[in-house]
Amino acid sequence: MYAFETNQLTKKYGHHTVVNKVDLNVTQGHIFGFLGKNGAGKSTLINMVTGIIKPTSGEFKILGSSEITHEKVKRRIGVLPDYSKFYDELTGIEHLKYFAGILGMSKSTSDLIKLLELVELGDAMKIKTKKYSFGMKKKLGIAQTLINDPELIFLDEPTSGVDANAVLNIHSLIKNVAADGKTIFLTSHNLDEVEKLCDEIAIMDKGVIRAQGSMNQLRREYQSQLTVKIKHSPYPEKQKPELLQIFNKVGRDVHLGEENITIVIEEESDIPVINKALISAEIDVYRIEVDEPSLEDIFLDLDSSQ
């Protein structure tokens, strides 16, 4: 079941197409990573599916409904914008009380304290936000997003501009929220972050979805090369030309060290060929490691193919 889906969703401003016939399927209960350069159309798409702007054409459903303006649907989603604004003179807990009031919700102080503790701001709930660090404000924004216990959560660059410790804390928080069965739509420029956190990923460029799927699906479809690293026993220098000749037929970027070999291959089936060559040369193989392409490799590969 999909938390939200789009069908040929398009947004134009005059003759300029910002989002072009986008089909997206976001599985319920998953963390979905949405990647793209600045100006790719990510924010415009989010603004359409959250009801901020109207699409030029196409359709979408969010939590089974195409009426995002319906109050019952809006209460089931939470949105963290790229930059949340707070009133300097209000404390953390006062902000949550104020925001709950805007939503027409009645929240007890104990409920709000639990929410602040969830985002690790329990000790700072009575401190005015003008004294909050940038990372603390990000966490307060997440707490604000969770105040209505949403089923679907949009997080736009939740770790942008925060320090390393805050990044780890926010990652842990995102995992905990997702473990509760909620769907998270995560927009990020951090490729490593998306690869570590997300069940599914979509890459957008110039208003078009260039790739979509799990990491394993993306690896199979868009980037097949594998880097093989082999730890082995020393071999005579005179064997090096023969080994190089064999390995250059199997793969590329071959590096032969005294006790290490690195080679880039296209298929896993090439590994036994390498292993057989070493055994035939009476070289003992201690360890074989295979490094699969990262999300960054796939992203760069897509970028270079344009």
C-alpha atoms as a PDB file:
ATOM      1  CA  MET A   1       0.000   0.000   0.000  1.00  0.00           C
ATOM      2  CA  TYR A   2       1.259   3.474  -0.859  1.00  0.00           C
ATOM      3  CA  ALA A   3       1.334   6.402   1.558  1.00  0.00           C
ATOM      4  CA  PHE A   4       1.258   8.647  -1.460  1.00  0.00           C
ATOM      5  CA  GLU A   5       1.494   8.244  -5.200  1.00  0.00           C
ATOM      6  CA  THR A   6       1.642  10.536  -8.195  1.00  0.00           C
ATOM      7  CA  ASN A   7       0.526   9.974 -11.767  1.00  0.00           C
ATOM      8  CA  GLN A   8       2.038  12.172 -14.495  1.00  0.00           C
ATOM      9  CA  LEU A   9       2.225  15.040 -11.990  1.00  0.00           C
ATOM     10  CA  THR A  10       3.292  18.247 -13.738  1.00  0.00           C
ATOM     11  CA  LYS A  11       3.880  21.863 -12.757  1.00  0.00           C
ATOM     12  CA  LYS A  12       4.532  24.641 -15.257  1.00  0.00           C
ATOM     13  CA  TYR A  13       5.182  28.333 -14.801  1.00  0.00           C
ATOM     14  CA  GLY A  14       4.489  29.872 -18.171  1.00  0.00           C
ATOM     15  CA  HIS A  15       6.588  27.950 -20.691  1.00  0.00           C
ATOM     16  CA  HIS A  16       8.928  26.627 -17.996  1.00  0.00           C
ATOM     17  CA  THR A  17       8.241  23.078 -16.782  1.00  0.00           C
ATOM     18  CA  VAL A  18       9.476  22.608 -13.210  1.00  0.00           C
ATOM     19  CA  VAL A  19       8.011  19.130 -12.598  1.00  0.00           C
ATOM     20  CA  ASN A  20       7.453  17.001 -15.686  1.00  0.00           C
ATOM     21  CA  LYS A  21       5.047  14.025 -15.685  1.00  0.00           C
ATOM     22  CA  VAL A  22       6.342  12.510 -12.463  1.00  0.00           C
ATOM     23  CA  ASP A  23       5.241   9.052 -11.326  1.00  0.00           C
ATOM     24  CA  LEU A  24       6.183   8.312  -7.711  1.00  0.00           C
ATOM     25  CA  ASN A  25       5.082   5.495  -5.418  1.00  0.00           C
ATOM     26  CA  VAL A  26       5.967   5.843  -1.733  1.00  0.00           C
ATOM     27  CA  THR A  27       5.362   2.651   0.227  1.00  0.00           C
ATOM     28  CA  GLN A  28       3.591   3.000   3.556  1.00  0.00           C
ATOM     29  CA  GLY A  29       5.879   2.532   6.558  1.00  0.00           C
ATOM     30  CA  HIS A  30       9.078   3.165   4.586  1.00  0.00           C
ATOM     31  CA  ILE A  31      11.704   5.885   4.764  1.00  0.00           C
ATOM     32  CA  PHE A  32      11.760   7.296   1.238  1.00  0.00           C
ATOM     33  CA  GLY A  33      14.773   9.336   0.136  1.00  0.00           C
ATOM     34  CA  PHE A  34      14.274  12.090  -2.437  1.00  0.00           C
ATOM     35  CA  LEU A  35      17.489  13.321  -4.050  1.00  0.00           C
ATOM     36  CA  GLY A  36      18.318  15.999  -6.564  1.00  0.00           C
ATOM     37  CA  LYS A  37      20.406  19.080  -7.136  1.00  0.00           C
ATOM     38  CA  ASN A  38      19.137  22.560  -6.300  1.00  0.00           C
ATOM     39  CA  GLY A  39      16.480  23.490  -8.832  1.00  0.00           C
ATOM     40  CA  ALA A  40      15.669  19.861  -9.682  1.00  0.00           C
ATOM     41  CA  GLY A  41      12.000  20.366  -8.748  1.00  0.00           C
ATOM     42  CA  LYS A  42      11.961  18.573  -5.383  1.00  0.00           C
ATOM     43  CA  SER A  43      10.400  21.378  -3.331  1.00  0.00           C
ATOM     44  CA  THR A  44       7.815  22.084  -6.027  1.00  0.00           C
ATOM     45  CA  LEU A  45       6.703  18.455  -5.978  1.00  0.00           C
ATOM     46  CA  ILE A  46       6.417  18.460  -2.187  1.00  0.00           C
ATOM     47  CA  ASN A  47       4.453  21.716  -2.299  1.00  0.00           C
ATOM     48  CA  MET A  48       1.987  20.117  -4.705  1.00  0.00           C
ATOM     49  CA  VAL A  49       1.356  16.930  -2.737  1.00  0.00           C
ATOM     50  CA  THR A  50       1.040  18.850   0.546  1.00  0.00           C
ATOM     51  CA  GLY A  51      -1.501  21.267  -0.922  1.00  0.00           C
ATOM     52  CA  ILE A  52       0.583  24.452  -0.950  1.00  0.00           C
ATOM     53  CA  ILE A  53       0.393  24.849  -4.736  1.00  0.00           C
ATOM     54  CA  LYS A  54      -1.824  23.285  -7.391  1.00  0.00           C
ATOM     55  CA  PRO A  55      -0.427  21.066 -10.144  1.00  0.00           C
ATOM     56  CA  THR A  56      -0.776  22.109 -13.774  1.00  0.00           C
ATOM     57  CA  SER A  57      -1.784  18.578 -14.706  1.00  0.00           C
ATOM     58  CA  GLY A  58      -1.594  15.014 -13.450  1.00  0.00           C
ATOM     59  CA  GLU A  59      -2.947  13.394 -10.321  1.00  0.00           C
ATOM     60  CA  PHE A  60      -1.811  12.359  -6.885  1.00  0.00           C
ATOM     61  CA  LYS A  61      -3.185  10.526  -3.886  1.00  0.00           C
ATOM     62  CA  ILE A  62      -2.006  11.052  -0.341  1.00  0.00           C
ATOM     63  CA  LEU A  63      -3.051   8.511   2.288  1.00  0.00           C
ATOM     64  CA  GLY A  64      -5.601   7.237  -0.192  1.00  0.00           C
ATOM     65  CA  SER A  65      -7.185  10.630  -0.880  1.00  0.00           C
ATOM     66  CA  SER A  66      -6.765  13.080  -3.750  1.00  0.00           C
ATOM     67  CA  GLU A  67      -8.194  15.895  -1.604  1.00  0.00           C
ATOM     68  CA  ILE A  68      -5.216  17.186   0.373  1.00  0.00           C
ATOM     69  CA  THR A  69      -7.261  20.258   1.314  1.00  0.00           C
ATOM     70  CA  HIS A  70      -9.584  17.998   3.285  1.00  0.00           C
ATOM     71  CA  GLU A  71      -8.994  18.728   6.963  1.00  0.00           C
ATOM     72  CA  LYS A  72      -8.966  15.047   7.948  1.00  0.00           C
ATOM     73  CA  VAL A  73      -6.136  14.343   5.509  1.00  0.00           C
ATOM     74  CA  LYS A  74      -4.095  17.410   6.496  1.00  0.00           C
ATOM     75  CA  ARG A  75      -4.215  16.309  10.131  1.00  0.00           C
ATOM     76  CA  ARG A  76      -2.591  13.005   9.171  1.00  0.00           C
ATOM     77  CA  ILE A  77       0.561  14.545   7.699  1.00  0.00           C
ATOM     78  CA  GLY A  78       3.479  16.509   9.132  1.00  0.00           C
ATOM     79  CA  VAL A  79       5.829  18.799   7.224  1.00  0.00           C
ATOM     80  CA  LEU A  80       9.279  20.033   8.269  1.00  0.00           C
ATOM     81  CA  PRO A  81      10.402  22.784   5.873  1.00  0.00           C
ATOM     82  CA  ASP A  82      14.056  23.369   5.067  1.00  0.00           C
ATOM     83  CA  TYR A  83      14.154  26.232   7.550  1.00  0.00           C
ATOM     84  CA  SER A  84      11.737  26.556  10.476  1.00  0.00           C
ATOM     85  CA  LYS A  85      11.170  29.979  12.010  1.00  0.00           C
ATOM     86  CA  PHE A  86      10.641  30.434  15.733  1.00  0.00           C
ATOM     87  CA  TYR A  87       9.808  33.329  18.029  1.00  0.00           C
ATOM     88  CA  ASP A  88      12.954  34.277  19.951  1.00  0.00           C
ATOM     89  CA  GLU A  89      11.158  35.057  23.199  1.00  0.00           C
ATOM     90  CA  LEU A  90       9.203  31.795  23.412  1.00  0.00           C
ATOM     91  CA  THR A  91      10.610  28.681  25.052  1.00  0.00           C
ATOM     92  CA  GLY A  92      10.628  25.280  23.399  1.00  0.00           C
ATOM     93  CA  ILE A  93       7.516  24.080  25.190  1.00  0.00           C
ATOM     94  CA  GLU A  94       5.727  27.395  24.588  1.00  0.00           C
ATOM     95  CA  HIS A  95       6.327  26.952  20.871  1.00  0.00           C
ATOM     96  CA  LEU A  96       4.722  23.517  20.905  1.00  0.00           C
ATOM     97  CA  LYS A  97       1.718  24.831  22.850  1.00  0.00           C
ATOM     98  CA  TYR A  98       1.360  27.669  20.346  1.00  0.00           C
ATOM     99  CA  PHE A  99       1.608  25.334  17.351  1.00  0.00           C
ATOM    100  CA  ALA A 100      -0.895  22.890  18.859  1.00  0.00           C
ATOM    101  CA  GLY A 101      -3.289  25.812  19.238  1.00  0.00           C
ATOM    102  CA  ILE A 102      -2.883  26.736  15.566  1.00  0.00           C
ATOM    103  CA  LEU A 103      -3.842  23.161  14.664  1.00  0.00           C
ATOM    104  CA  GLY A 104      -6.828  23.360  17.008  1.00  0.00           C
ATOM    105  CA  MET A 105      -5.423  20.567  19.145  1.00  0.00           C
ATOM    106  CA  SER A 106      -5.558  20.178  22.884  1.00  0.00           C
ATOM    107  CA  LYS A 107      -2.264  18.805  24.151  1.00  0.00           C
ATOM    108  CA  SER A 108      -1.386  18.316  27.799  1.00  0.00           C
ATOM    109  CA  THR A 109       1.894  19.664  29.129  1.00  0.00           C
ATOM    110  CA  SER A 110       3.022  16.103  29.862  1.00  0.00           C
ATOM    111  CA  ASP A 111       2.417  15.125  26.215  1.00  0.00           C
ATOM    112  CA  LEU A 112       4.496  18.062  25.008  1.00  0.00           C
ATOM    113  CA  ILE A 113       7.283  17.247  27.458  1.00  0.00           C
ATOM    114  CA  LYS A 114       7.380  13.665  26.131  1.00  0.00           C
ATOM    115  CA  LEU A 115       7.648  15.030  22.608  1.00  0.00           C
ATOM    116  CA  LEU A 116      10.547  17.303  23.561  1.00  0.00           C
ATOM    117  CA  GLU A 117      12.254  14.418  25.336  1.00  0.00           C
ATOM    118  CA  LEU A 118      11.832  12.316  22.187  1.00  0.00           C
ATOM    119  CA  VAL A 119      13.869  14.875  20.221  1.00  0.00           C
ATOM    120  CA  GLU A 120      16.350  15.257  23.115  1.00  0.00           C
ATOM    121  CA  LEU A 121      15.213  18.751  24.105  1.00  0.00           C
ATOM    122  CA  GLY A 122      13.761  17.841  27.482  1.00  0.00           C
ATOM    123  CA  ASP A 123      16.468  19.762  29.324  1.00  0.00           C
ATOM    124  CA  ALA A 124      15.968  22.823  27.099  1.00  0.00           C
ATOM    125  CA  MET A 125      12.173  23.039  27.104  1.00  0.00           C
ATOM    126  CA  LYS A 126      12.113  26.163  29.315  1.00  0.00           C
ATOM    127  CA  ILE A 127      14.922  27.941  27.475  1.00  0.00           C
ATOM    128  CA  LYS A 128      14.010  30.684  25.005  1.00  0.00           C
ATOM    129  CA  THR A 129      14.687  29.634  21.432  1.00  0.00           C
ATOM    130  CA  LYS A 130      16.921  32.650  20.799  1.00  0.00           C
ATOM    131  CA  LYS A 131      19.482  30.686  22.830  1.00  0.00           C
ATOM    132  CA  TYR A 132      18.995  27.484  20.828  1.00  0.00           C
ATOM    133  CA  SER A 133      21.741  26.295  18.501  1.00  0.00           C
ATOM    134  CA  PHE A 134      20.891  25.627  14.859  1.00  0.00           C
ATOM    135  CA  GLY A 135      20.772  21.889  15.586  1.00  0.00           C
ATOM    136  CA  MET A 136      18.409  22.414  18.527  1.00  0.00           C
ATOM    137  CA  LYS A 137      16.089  24.431  16.300  1.00  0.00           C
ATOM    138  CA  LYS A 138      16.089  21.584  13.787  1.00  0.00           C
ATOM    139  CA  LYS A 139      15.054  19.203  16.562  1.00  0.00           C
ATOM    140  CA  LEU A 140      12.333  21.583  17.734  1.00  0.00           C
ATOM    141  CA  GLY A 141      11.085  21.738  14.145  1.00  0.00           C
ATOM    142  CA  ILE A 142      10.877  17.938  14.088  1.00  0.00           C
ATOM    143  CA  ALA A 143       8.971  17.959  17.392  1.00  0.00           C
ATOM    144  CA  GLN A 144       6.581  20.494  15.887  1.00  0.00           C
ATOM    145  CA  THR A 145       6.142  18.223  12.863  1.00  0.00           C
ATOM    146  CA  LEU A 146       5.266  15.258  15.103  1.00  0.00           C
ATOM    147  CA  ILE A 147       2.810  17.104  17.333  1.00  0.00           C
ATOM    148  CA  ASN A 148      -0.281  15.771  15.543  1.00  0.00           C
ATOM    149  CA  ASP A 149       1.070  12.186  15.492  1.00  0.00           C
ATOM    150  CA  PRO A 150       1.127  12.126  11.666  1.00  0.00           C
ATOM    151  CA  GLU A 151       1.103   8.983   9.552  1.00  0.00           C
ATOM    152  CA  LEU A 152       3.115  10.607   6.763  1.00  0.00           C
ATOM    153  CA  ILE A 153       6.017  12.955   7.508  1.00  0.00           C
ATOM    154  CA  PHE A 154       7.859  15.187   5.035  1.00  0.00           C
ATOM    155  CA  LEU A 155      11.354  16.156   6.210  1.00  0.00           C
ATOM    156  CA  ASP A 156      13.132  18.702   4.017  1.00  0.00           C
ATOM    157  CA  GLU A 157      16.888  18.665   4.696  1.00  0.00           C
ATOM    158  CA  PRO A 158      16.521  17.764   8.413  1.00  0.00           C
ATOM    159  CA  THR A 159      20.296  17.635   9.031  1.00  0.00           C
ATOM    160  CA  SER A 160      21.409  20.503   6.802  1.00  0.00           C
ATOM    161  CA  GLY A 161      23.772  22.852   8.649  1.00  0.00           C
ATOM    162  CA  VAL A 162      23.961  20.900  11.915  1.00  0.00           C
ATOM    163  CA  ASP A 163      27.056  19.454  13.593  1.00  0.00           C
ATOM    164  CA  ALA A 164      28.076  15.788  13.485  1.00  0.00           C
ATOM    165  CA  ASN A 165      26.603  14.880  16.882  1.00  0.00           C
ATOM    166  CA  ALA A 166      23.267  16.483  16.022  1.00  0.00           C
ATOM    167  CA  VAL A 167      23.245  14.592  12.708  1.00  0.00           C
ATOM    168  CA  LEU A 168      23.621  11.268  14.526  1.00  0.00           C
ATOM    169  CA  ASN A 169      20.870  12.215  16.979  1.00  0.00           C
ATOM    170  CA  ILE A 170      18.490  13.202  14.183  1.00  0.00           C
ATOM    171  CA  HIS A 171      19.262   9.989  12.283  1.00  0.00           C
ATOM    172  CA  SER A 172      18.433   7.971  15.390  1.00  0.00           C
ATOM    173  CA  LEU A 173      15.211   9.940  15.829  1.00  0.00           C
ATOM    174  CA  ILE A 174      14.164   9.332  12.206  1.00  0.00           C
ATOM    175  CA  LYS A 175      14.758   5.588  12.616  1.00  0.00           C
ATOM    176  CA  ASN A 176      12.732   5.510  15.846  1.00  0.00           C
ATOM    177  CA  VAL A 177       9.825   7.377  14.273  1.00  0.00           C
ATOM    178  CA  ALA A 178       9.853   5.052  11.248  1.00  0.00           C
ATOM    179  CA  ALA A 179       9.976   2.007  13.527  1.00  0.00           C
ATOM    180  CA  ASP A 180       6.615   3.183  14.885  1.00  0.00           C
ATOM    181  CA  GLY A 181       5.110   2.461  11.454  1.00  0.00           C
ATOM    182  CA  LYS A 182       5.140   5.986  10.080  1.00  0.00           C
ATOM    183  CA  THR A 183       6.108   6.884   6.523  1.00  0.00           C
ATOM    184  CA  ILE A 184       8.929   9.395   6.141  1.00  0.00           C
ATOM    185  CA  PHE A 185       9.639  11.298   2.927  1.00  0.00           C
ATOM    186  CA  LEU A 186      13.185  12.594   3.333  1.00  0.00           C
ATOM    187  CA  THR A 187      14.637  15.256   1.065  1.00  0.00           C
ATOM    188  CA  SER A 188      18.410  15.533   1.403  1.00  0.00           C
ATOM    189  CA  HIS A 189      21.602  16.547  -0.385  1.00  0.00           C
ATOM    190  CA  ASN A 190      23.528  14.089   1.796  1.00  0.00           C
ATOM    191  CA  LEU A 191      23.935  10.953  -0.325  1.00  0.00           C
ATOM    192  CA  ASP A 192      25.485   8.937   2.496  1.00  0.00           C
ATOM    193  CA  GLU A 193      22.584   9.886   4.785  1.00  0.00           C
ATOM    194  CA  VAL A 194      19.988   8.724   2.271  1.00  0.00           C
ATOM    195  CA  GLU A 195      21.837   5.472   1.581  1.00  0.00           C
ATOM    196  CA  LYS A 196      22.028   4.631   5.298  1.00  0.00           C
ATOM    197  CA  LEU A 197      18.477   5.605   6.268  1.00  0.00           C
ATOM    198  CA  CYS A 198      16.189   4.953   3.323  1.00  0.00           C
ATOM    199  CA  ASP A 199      14.308   1.861   2.179  1.00  0.00           C
ATOM    200  CA  GLU A 200      13.540   3.439  -1.195  1.00  0.00           C
ATOM    201  CA  ILE A 201      15.171   6.251  -3.144  1.00  0.00           C
ATOM    202  CA  ALA A 202      14.220   8.487  -6.056  1.00  0.00           C
ATOM    203  CA  ILE A 203      16.637  10.746  -7.924  1.00  0.00           C
ATOM    204  CA  MET A 204      15.171  13.812  -9.623  1.00  0.00           C
ATOM    205  CA  ASP A 205      16.829  16.008 -12.216  1.00  0.00           C
ATOM    206  CA  LYS A 206      15.356  18.911 -14.181  1.00  0.00           C
ATOM    207  CA  GLY A 207      11.839  17.987 -13.117  1.00  0.00           C
ATOM    208  CA  VAL A 208      12.109  14.336 -14.142  1.00  0.00           C
ATOM    209  CA  ILE A 209      12.585  11.194 -12.032  1.00  0.00           C
ATOM    210  CA  ARG A 210      15.782   9.630 -13.339  1.00  0.00           C
ATOM    211  CA  ALA A 211      15.830   6.610 -11.019  1.00  0.00           C
ATOM    212  CA  GLN A 212      13.671   5.018  -8.345  1.00  0.00           C
ATOM    213  CA  GLY A 213      13.962   1.878  -6.217  1.00  0.00           C
ATOM    214  CA  SER A 214      15.806   0.296  -3.307  1.00  0.00           C
ATOM    215  CA  MET A 215      19.604   0.546  -3.177  1.00  0.00           C
ATOM    216  CA  ASN A 216      19.919  -3.000  -4.492  1.00  0.00           C
ATOM    217  CA  GLN A 217      17.555  -2.226  -7.383  1.00  0.00           C
ATOM    218  CA  LEU A 218      19.470   0.942  -8.242  1.00  0.00           C
ATOM    219  CA  ARG A 219      22.775  -0.917  -8.146  1.00  0.00           C
ATOM    220  CA  ARG A 220      21.473  -3.570 -10.520  1.00  0.00           C
ATOM    221  CA  GLU A 221      19.865  -1.124 -12.917  1.00  0.00           C
ATOM    222  CA  TYR A 222      22.202   1.844 -13.035  1.00  0.00           C
ATOM    223  CA  GLN A 223      25.660   0.801 -11.921  1.00  0.00           C
ATOM    224  CA  SER A 224      26.977  -2.732 -12.252  1.00  0.00           C
ATOM    225  CA  GLN A 225      30.704  -2.302 -11.590  1.00  0.00           C
ATOM    226  CA  LEU A 226      32.222  -3.900  -8.497  1.00  0.00           C
ATOM    227  CA  THR A 227      35.567  -3.185  -6.859  1.00  0.00           C
ATOM    228  CA  VAL A 228      37.308  -6.366  -5.717  1.00  0.00           C
ATOM    229  CA  LYS A 229      40.053  -6.226  -3.085  1.00  0.00           C
ATOM    230  CA  ILE A 230      42.154  -9.340  -2.497  1.00  0.00           C
ATOM    231  CA  LYS A 231      44.616 -10.011   0.319  1.00  0.00           C
ATOM    232  CA  HIS A 232      47.115 -12.717  -0.665  1.00  0.00           C
ATOM    233  CA  SER A 233      50.562 -14.169  -0.019  1.00  0.00           C
ATOM    234  CA  PRO A 234      53.622 -12.534  -1.639  1.00  0.00           C
ATOM    235  CA  TYR A 235      54.519 -13.625  -5.176  1.00  0.00           C
ATOM    236  CA  PRO A 236      57.731 -13.374  -7.264  1.00  0.00           C
ATOM    237  CA  GLU A 237      58.081 -10.148  -9.236  1.00  0.00           C
ATOM    238  CA  LYS A 238      58.521 -12.160 -12.451  1.00  0.00           C
ATOM    239  CA  GLN A 239      54.876 -13.328 -12.193  1.00  0.00           C
ATOM    240  CA  LYS A 240      53.522  -9.788 -12.264  1.00  0.00           C
ATOM    241  CA  PRO A 241      53.334  -9.314 -16.086  1.00  0.00           C
ATOM    242  CA  GLU A 242      51.457 -12.606 -16.500  1.00  0.00           C
ATOM    243  CA  LEU A 243      48.968 -11.740 -13.739  1.00  0.00           C
ATOM    244  CA  LEU A 244      48.437  -8.263 -15.167  1.00  0.00           C
ATOM    245  CA  GLN A 245      47.667  -9.733 -18.561  1.00  0.00           C
ATOM    246  CA  ILE A 246      45.039 -12.084 -17.087  1.00  0.00           C
ATOM    247  CA  PHE A 247      43.414  -9.482 -14.849  1.00  0.00           C
ATOM    248  CA  ASN A 248      43.262  -6.812 -17.552  1.00  0.00           C
ATOM    249  CA  LYS A 249      41.163  -9.224 -19.615  1.00  0.00           C
ATOM    250  CA  VAL A 250      38.751  -9.708 -16.702  1.00  0.00           C
ATOM    251  CA  GLY A 251      38.442  -6.139 -15.447  1.00  0.00           C
ATOM    252  CA  ARG A 252      40.041  -2.710 -15.398  1.00  0.00           C
ATOM    253  CA  ASP A 253      41.878  -0.311 -13.079  1.00  0.00           C
ATOM    254  CA  VAL A 254      44.056  -3.217 -11.943  1.00  0.00           C
ATOM    255  CA  HIS A 255      46.509  -2.514  -9.131  1.00  0.00           C
ATOM    256  CA  LEU A 256      48.944  -5.238  -8.087  1.00  0.00           C
ATOM    257  CA  GLY A 257      50.677  -4.764  -4.765  1.00  0.00           C
ATOM    258  CA  GLU A 258      53.031  -7.109  -2.977  1.00  0.00           C
ATOM    259  CA  GLU A 259      50.202  -8.659  -0.970  1.00  0.00           C
ATOM    260  CA  ASN A 260      47.106  -6.858  -2.272  1.00  0.00           C
ATOM    261  CA  ILE A 261      45.211  -6.716  -5.553  1.00  0.00           C
ATOM    262  CA  THR A 262      42.486  -4.236  -6.478  1.00  0.00           C
ATOM    263  CA  ILE A 263      40.452  -4.654  -9.660  1.00  0.00           C
ATOM    264  CA  VAL A 264      37.172  -3.262 -10.991  1.00  0.00           C
ATOM    265  CA  ILE A 265      34.888  -5.861 -12.608  1.00  0.00           C
ATOM    266  CA  GLU A 266      31.424  -5.843 -14.172  1.00  0.00           C
ATOM    267  CA  GLU A 267      30.014  -9.126 -12.856  1.00  0.00           C
ATOM    268  CA  GLU A 268      30.439 -11.212  -9.696  1.00  0.00           C
ATOM    269  CA  SER A 269      31.017 -14.201 -11.981  1.00  0.00           C
ATOM    270  CA  ASP A 270      34.435 -12.675 -12.781  1.00  0.00           C
ATOM    271  CA  ILE A 271      35.651 -13.290  -9.212  1.00  0.00           C
ATOM    272  CA  PRO A 272      36.242 -17.070  -9.639  1.00  0.00           C
ATOM    273  CA  VAL A 273      38.373 -16.301 -12.716  1.00  0.00           C
ATOM    274  CA  ILE A 274      40.601 -14.061 -10.597  1.00  0.00           C
ATOM    275  CA  ASN A 275      40.740 -16.610  -7.800  1.00  0.00           C
ATOM    276  CA  LYS A 276      41.619 -19.421 -10.219  1.00  0.00           C
ATOM    277  CA  ALA A 277      44.474 -17.379 -11.709  1.00  0.00           C
ATOM    278  CA  LEU A 278      45.958 -16.804  -8.253  1.00  0.00           C
ATOM    279  CA  ILE A 279      45.654 -20.473  -7.320  1.00  0.00           C
ATOM    280  CA  SER A 280      47.294 -21.505 -10.603  1.00  0.00           C
ATOM    281  CA  ALA A 281      50.162 -19.146  -9.785  1.00  0.00           C
ATOM    282  CA  GLU A 282      50.439 -20.860  -6.364  1.00  0.00           C
ATOM    283  CA  ILE A 283      49.475 -17.664  -4.548  1.00  0.00           C
ATOM    284  CA  ASP A 284      47.500 -18.156  -1.323  1.00  0.00           C
ATOM    285  CA  VAL A 285      44.315 -16.081  -1.107  1.00  0.00           C
ATOM    286  CA  TYR A 286      43.614 -14.875   2.441  1.00  0.00           C
ATOM    287  CA  ARG A 287      40.618 -12.626   1.887  1.00  0.00           C
ATOM    288  CA  ILE A 288      38.363 -11.349  -0.921  1.00  0.00           C
ATOM    289  CA  GLU A 289      36.260  -8.225  -0.391  1.00  0.00           C
ATOM    290  CA  VAL A 290      33.714  -6.824  -2.841  1.00  0.00           C
ATOM    291  CA  ASP A 291      32.768  -3.142  -2.610  1.00  0.00           C
ATOM    292  CA  GLU A 292      29.404  -2.451  -4.220  1.00  0.00           C
ATOM    293  CA  PRO A 293      28.781   0.967  -5.775  1.00  0.00           C
ATOM    294  CA  SER A 294      27.552   3.604  -3.340  1.00  0.00           C
ATOM    295  CA  LEU A 295      24.627   5.928  -3.923  1.00  0.00           C
ATOM    296  CA  GLU A 296      27.193   8.604  -4.777  1.00  0.00           C
ATOM    297  CA  ASP A 297      28.601   6.358  -7.530  1.00  0.00           C
ATOM    298  CA  ILE A 298      25.106   5.871  -8.959  1.00  0.00           C
ATOM    299  CA  PHE A 299      24.282   9.575  -8.679  1.00  0.00           C
ATOM    300  CA  LEU A 300      27.491  10.550 -10.483  1.00  0.00           C
ATOM    301  CA  ASP A 301      26.944   7.860 -13.099  1.00  0.00           C
ATOM    302  CA  LEU A 302      23.458   9.228 -13.845  1.00  0.00           C
ATOM    303  CA  ASP A 303      24.814  12.768 -13.942  1.00  0.00           C
ATOM    304  CA  SER A 304      27.563  11.875 -16.404  1.00  0.00           C
ATOM    305  CA  SER A 305      25.138  10.003 -18.690  1.00  0.00           C
ATOM    306  CA  GLN A 306      23.110  13.142 -19.485  1.00  0.00           C
END
